[in-house]
Amino acid sequence: MDRNDFEARLKAEGWPEIRENQLEPHRHNAEHSHAFDVLALVLDGDITLTIGGAARTYRPGEEFSMQAGCAHVEDAGPAGVRYLVGRRPRP
């Protein structure tokens, strides 16, 4: 899926916040969680998310999602990562 189609999907599904995020090369964000649901599309680079001890790497064109409160670790690859993300607060 490309950026335009993904952004249109986020809008159609009612995601109230859509933004572009990026992490610098080799950035490590220790385990944390968010107070919002996430649906994201990797645009450039790669990111490895570790949830419950299981790591998965996402590359350009791949989507990842997680529910609010999901504890996870973020590791950007050697080129960093840039992604488009929808954020939806949980009541």
N, C-alpha and C. Protein backbone atom coordinates (compact mmCIF):
# COMPACT_ATOMS: atom_id res chain seq x y z
N MET A 1 0.85 -1.18 0.00
CA MET A 1 0.00 0.00 0.00
C MET A 1 0.90 1.24 0.00
N ASP A 2 0.49 2.25 -0.72
CA ASP A 2 1.30 3.47 -0.74
C ASP A 2 0.76 4.48 0.26
N ARG A 3 1.52 5.54 0.45
CA ARG A 3 1.19 6.56 1.46
C ARG A 3 -0.19 7.16 1.26
N ASN A 4 -0.52 7.55 0.03
CA ASN A 4 -1.81 8.20 -0.24
C ASN A 4 -2.98 7.28 0.07
N ASP A 5 -2.88 6.01 -0.34
CA ASP A 5 -3.95 5.05 -0.07
C ASP A 5 -4.09 4.81 1.43
N PHE A 6 -2.95 4.71 2.12
CA PHE A 6 -2.98 4.46 3.56
C PHE A 6 -3.60 5.65 4.30
N GLU A 7 -3.20 6.85 3.92
CA GLU A 7 -3.76 8.04 4.56
C GLU A 7 -5.27 8.13 4.31
N ALA A 8 -5.71 7.81 3.10
CA ALA A 8 -7.14 7.80 2.79
C ALA A 8 -7.87 6.76 3.65
N ARG A 9 -7.24 5.60 3.84
CA ARG A 9 -7.82 4.56 4.68
C ARG A 9 -7.97 5.04 6.12
N LEU A 10 -6.91 5.67 6.67
CA LEU A 10 -6.98 6.18 8.04
C LEU A 10 -8.13 7.18 8.19
N LYS A 11 -8.26 8.08 7.24
CA LYS A 11 -9.34 9.07 7.29
C LYS A 11 -10.71 8.40 7.20
N ALA A 12 -10.84 7.44 6.29
CA ALA A 12 -12.11 6.74 6.11
C ALA A 12 -12.50 5.94 7.35
N GLU A 13 -11.50 5.42 8.07
CA GLU A 13 -11.76 4.63 9.28
C GLU A 13 -11.88 5.50 10.53
N GLY A 14 -11.77 6.82 10.36
CA GLY A 14 -12.01 7.74 11.47
C GLY A 14 -10.87 7.91 12.46
N TRP A 15 -9.63 7.70 12.02
CA TRP A 15 -8.49 7.95 12.91
C TRP A 15 -8.35 9.46 13.08
N PRO A 16 -8.48 9.98 14.32
CA PRO A 16 -8.52 11.43 14.52
C PRO A 16 -7.17 12.14 14.36
N GLU A 17 -6.08 11.40 14.51
CA GLU A 17 -4.75 12.03 14.39
C GLU A 17 -3.92 11.22 13.41
N ILE A 18 -3.42 11.90 12.39
CA ILE A 18 -2.56 11.27 11.39
C ILE A 18 -1.30 12.11 11.30
N ARG A 19 -0.14 11.47 11.46
CA ARG A 19 1.11 12.22 11.42
C ARG A 19 2.24 11.35 10.89
N GLU A 20 3.30 12.02 10.51
CA GLU A 20 4.50 11.31 10.07
C GLU A 20 5.52 11.36 11.21
N ASN A 21 6.06 10.22 11.54
CA ASN A 21 7.09 10.12 12.59
C ASN A 21 8.36 9.55 11.99
N GLN A 22 9.46 9.80 12.66
CA GLN A 22 10.71 9.16 12.26
C GLN A 22 11.60 8.96 13.46
N LEU A 23 12.45 7.96 13.36
CA LEU A 23 13.46 7.69 14.38
C LEU A 23 14.81 7.66 13.68
N GLU A 24 15.82 8.20 14.33
CA GLU A 24 17.16 8.23 13.75
C GLU A 24 17.74 6.82 13.73
N PRO A 25 18.78 6.60 12.92
CA PRO A 25 19.41 5.28 12.82
C PRO A 25 19.79 4.72 14.19
N HIS A 26 19.50 3.45 14.35
CA HIS A 26 19.85 2.68 15.56
C HIS A 26 19.19 3.19 16.84
N ARG A 27 18.15 3.99 16.73
CA ARG A 27 17.45 4.50 17.91
C ARG A 27 16.79 3.33 18.65
N HIS A 28 16.98 3.29 19.95
CA HIS A 28 16.35 2.27 20.80
C HIS A 28 15.45 2.97 21.79
N ASN A 29 14.18 2.62 21.78
CA ASN A 29 13.23 3.12 22.77
C ASN A 29 12.86 1.96 23.67
N ALA A 30 13.27 2.04 24.93
CA ALA A 30 13.02 0.98 25.90
C ALA A 30 11.52 0.70 26.01
N GLU A 31 11.19 -0.40 26.65
CA GLU A 31 9.80 -0.80 26.75
C GLU A 31 8.93 0.32 27.31
N HIS A 32 7.81 0.54 26.63
CA HIS A 32 6.85 1.56 27.01
C HIS A 32 5.51 1.22 26.38
N SER A 33 4.50 2.00 26.69
CA SER A 33 3.20 1.83 26.06
C SER A 33 2.61 3.21 25.79
N HIS A 34 1.54 3.24 25.04
CA HIS A 34 0.88 4.49 24.68
C HIS A 34 -0.57 4.45 25.15
N ALA A 35 -1.15 5.61 25.33
CA ALA A 35 -2.56 5.72 25.74
C ALA A 35 -3.47 5.80 24.52
N PHE A 36 -3.00 5.34 23.37
CA PHE A 36 -3.77 5.40 22.13
C PHE A 36 -3.48 4.17 21.28
N ASP A 37 -4.44 3.81 20.44
CA ASP A 37 -4.25 2.76 19.45
C ASP A 37 -3.38 3.32 18.33
N VAL A 38 -2.64 2.43 17.66
CA VAL A 38 -1.74 2.82 16.58
C VAL A 38 -2.00 1.95 15.34
N LEU A 39 -2.02 2.58 14.19
CA LEU A 39 -2.00 1.89 12.91
C LEU A 39 -1.02 2.66 12.04
N ALA A 40 0.06 2.00 11.59
CA ALA A 40 1.14 2.72 10.91
C ALA A 40 1.60 1.99 9.66
N LEU A 41 2.16 2.76 8.73
CA LEU A 41 2.73 2.26 7.49
C LEU A 41 4.18 2.74 7.41
N VAL A 42 5.12 1.81 7.27
CA VAL A 42 6.53 2.18 7.14
C VAL A 42 6.76 2.76 5.75
N LEU A 43 7.36 3.95 5.71
CA LEU A 43 7.64 4.63 4.44
C LEU A 43 9.08 4.40 3.99
N ASP A 44 10.02 4.51 4.91
CA ASP A 44 11.45 4.34 4.60
C ASP A 44 12.13 3.68 5.79
N GLY A 45 13.21 2.95 5.52
CA GLY A 45 13.98 2.33 6.59
C GLY A 45 13.26 1.13 7.16
N ASP A 46 13.56 0.80 8.42
CA ASP A 46 12.87 -0.30 9.07
C ASP A 46 12.84 -0.09 10.57
N ILE A 47 11.89 -0.78 11.19
CA ILE A 47 11.73 -0.73 12.64
C ILE A 47 11.41 -2.13 13.14
N THR A 48 12.03 -2.48 14.24
CA THR A 48 11.74 -3.75 14.89
C THR A 48 10.97 -3.46 16.17
N LEU A 49 9.80 -4.07 16.27
CA LEU A 49 8.98 -3.95 17.47
C LEU A 49 9.05 -5.27 18.23
N THR A 50 9.30 -5.18 19.52
CA THR A 50 9.34 -6.37 20.36
C THR A 50 8.19 -6.28 21.35
N ILE A 51 7.32 -7.28 21.27
CA ILE A 51 6.13 -7.33 22.12
C ILE A 51 6.09 -8.72 22.77
N GLY A 52 6.08 -8.74 24.09
CA GLY A 52 6.03 -10.02 24.79
C GLY A 52 7.21 -10.92 24.47
N GLY A 53 8.37 -10.32 24.22
CA GLY A 53 9.58 -11.08 23.91
C GLY A 53 9.72 -11.51 22.46
N ALA A 54 8.71 -11.27 21.64
CA ALA A 54 8.76 -11.63 20.21
C ALA A 54 9.05 -10.38 19.38
N ALA A 55 10.12 -10.44 18.58
CA ALA A 55 10.53 -9.30 17.75
C ALA A 55 10.08 -9.52 16.31
N ARG A 56 9.62 -8.43 15.69
CA ARG A 56 9.28 -8.47 14.26
C ARG A 56 9.73 -7.17 13.63
N THR A 57 10.36 -7.29 12.46
CA THR A 57 10.86 -6.13 11.72
C THR A 57 9.89 -5.77 10.61
N TYR A 58 9.61 -4.47 10.49
CA TYR A 58 8.72 -3.95 9.46
C TYR A 58 9.51 -3.06 8.52
N ARG A 59 9.28 -3.22 7.23
CA ARG A 59 10.00 -2.50 6.18
C ARG A 59 9.03 -1.69 5.33
N PRO A 60 9.54 -0.87 4.40
CA PRO A 60 8.66 -0.03 3.59
C PRO A 60 7.51 -0.82 2.95
N GLY A 61 6.31 -0.24 3.09
CA GLY A 61 5.12 -0.86 2.54
C GLY A 61 4.41 -1.78 3.51
N GLU A 62 5.03 -2.05 4.66
CA GLU A 62 4.41 -2.94 5.65
C GLU A 62 3.73 -2.12 6.74
N GLU A 63 2.64 -2.65 7.26
CA GLU A 63 1.87 -2.00 8.31
C GLU A 63 2.13 -2.67 9.65
N PHE A 64 2.01 -1.88 10.70
CA PHE A 64 1.97 -2.45 12.04
C PHE A 64 0.90 -1.74 12.84
N SER A 65 0.38 -2.45 13.83
CA SER A 65 -0.66 -1.87 14.68
C SER A 65 -0.48 -2.39 16.10
N MET A 66 -1.02 -1.64 17.02
CA MET A 66 -1.07 -2.10 18.41
C MET A 66 -2.15 -1.32 19.14
N GLN A 67 -2.69 -1.98 20.14
CA GLN A 67 -3.72 -1.35 20.95
C GLN A 67 -3.10 -0.52 22.05
N ALA A 68 -3.84 0.45 22.51
CA ALA A 68 -3.41 1.27 23.65
C ALA A 68 -3.04 0.35 24.80
N GLY A 69 -1.95 0.71 25.50
CA GLY A 69 -1.51 -0.06 26.65
C GLY A 69 -0.61 -1.23 26.33
N CYS A 70 -0.37 -1.51 25.05
CA CYS A 70 0.49 -2.63 24.65
C CYS A 70 1.95 -2.27 24.93
N ALA A 71 2.59 -2.98 25.85
CA ALA A 71 3.99 -2.74 26.16
C ALA A 71 4.85 -3.24 25.00
N HIS A 72 5.77 -2.38 24.54
CA HIS A 72 6.61 -2.74 23.40
C HIS A 72 7.94 -2.00 23.45
N VAL A 73 8.92 -2.53 22.71
CA VAL A 73 10.23 -1.92 22.52
C VAL A 73 10.34 -1.56 21.05
N GLU A 74 10.94 -0.40 20.75
CA GLU A 74 11.14 0.05 19.37
C GLU A 74 12.64 0.15 19.08
N ASP A 75 13.06 -0.46 17.97
CA ASP A 75 14.45 -0.37 17.52
C ASP A 75 14.47 -0.01 16.04
N ALA A 76 14.99 1.18 15.73
CA ALA A 76 15.12 1.60 14.33
C ALA A 76 16.34 0.92 13.71
N GLY A 77 16.26 0.63 12.43
CA GLY A 77 17.36 -0.01 11.72
C GLY A 77 18.51 0.94 11.42
N PRO A 78 19.51 0.47 10.67
CA PRO A 78 20.70 1.27 10.40
C PRO A 78 20.44 2.53 9.58
N ALA A 79 19.33 2.59 8.86
CA ALA A 79 18.98 3.80 8.09
C ALA A 79 17.91 4.62 8.81
N GLY A 80 17.56 4.22 10.03
CA GLY A 80 16.46 4.87 10.72
C GLY A 80 15.14 4.37 10.16
N VAL A 81 14.07 5.06 10.51
CA VAL A 81 12.75 4.69 9.99
C VAL A 81 11.89 5.95 9.91
N ARG A 82 11.04 5.97 8.90
CA ARG A 82 10.04 7.02 8.74
C ARG A 82 8.72 6.31 8.47
N TYR A 83 7.67 6.72 9.19
CA TYR A 83 6.40 6.04 9.03
C TYR A 83 5.23 7.00 9.19
N LEU A 84 4.13 6.67 8.54
CA LEU A 84 2.88 7.41 8.65
C LEU A 84 2.04 6.67 9.68
N VAL A 85 1.50 7.41 10.65
CA VAL A 85 0.79 6.74 11.75
C VAL A 85 -0.53 7.42 12.06
N GLY A 86 -1.53 6.60 12.29
CA GLY A 86 -2.81 7.04 12.82
C GLY A 86 -2.81 6.74 14.30
N ARG A 87 -3.29 7.69 15.09
CA ARG A 87 -3.38 7.52 16.55
C ARG A 87 -4.81 7.77 16.97
N ARG A 88 -5.34 6.85 17.80
CA ARG A 88 -6.72 6.98 18.26
C ARG A 88 -6.75 6.75 19.77
N PRO A 89 -7.10 7.79 20.54
CA PRO A 89 -7.14 7.64 22.00
C PRO A 89 -8.17 6.60 22.42
N ARG A 90 -7.86 5.91 23.49
CA ARG A 90 -8.81 4.96 24.07
C ARG A 90 -9.60 5.67 25.15
N PRO A 91 -10.92 5.45 25.18
CA PRO A 91 -11.74 6.09 26.23
C PRO A 91 -11.42 5.51 27.60
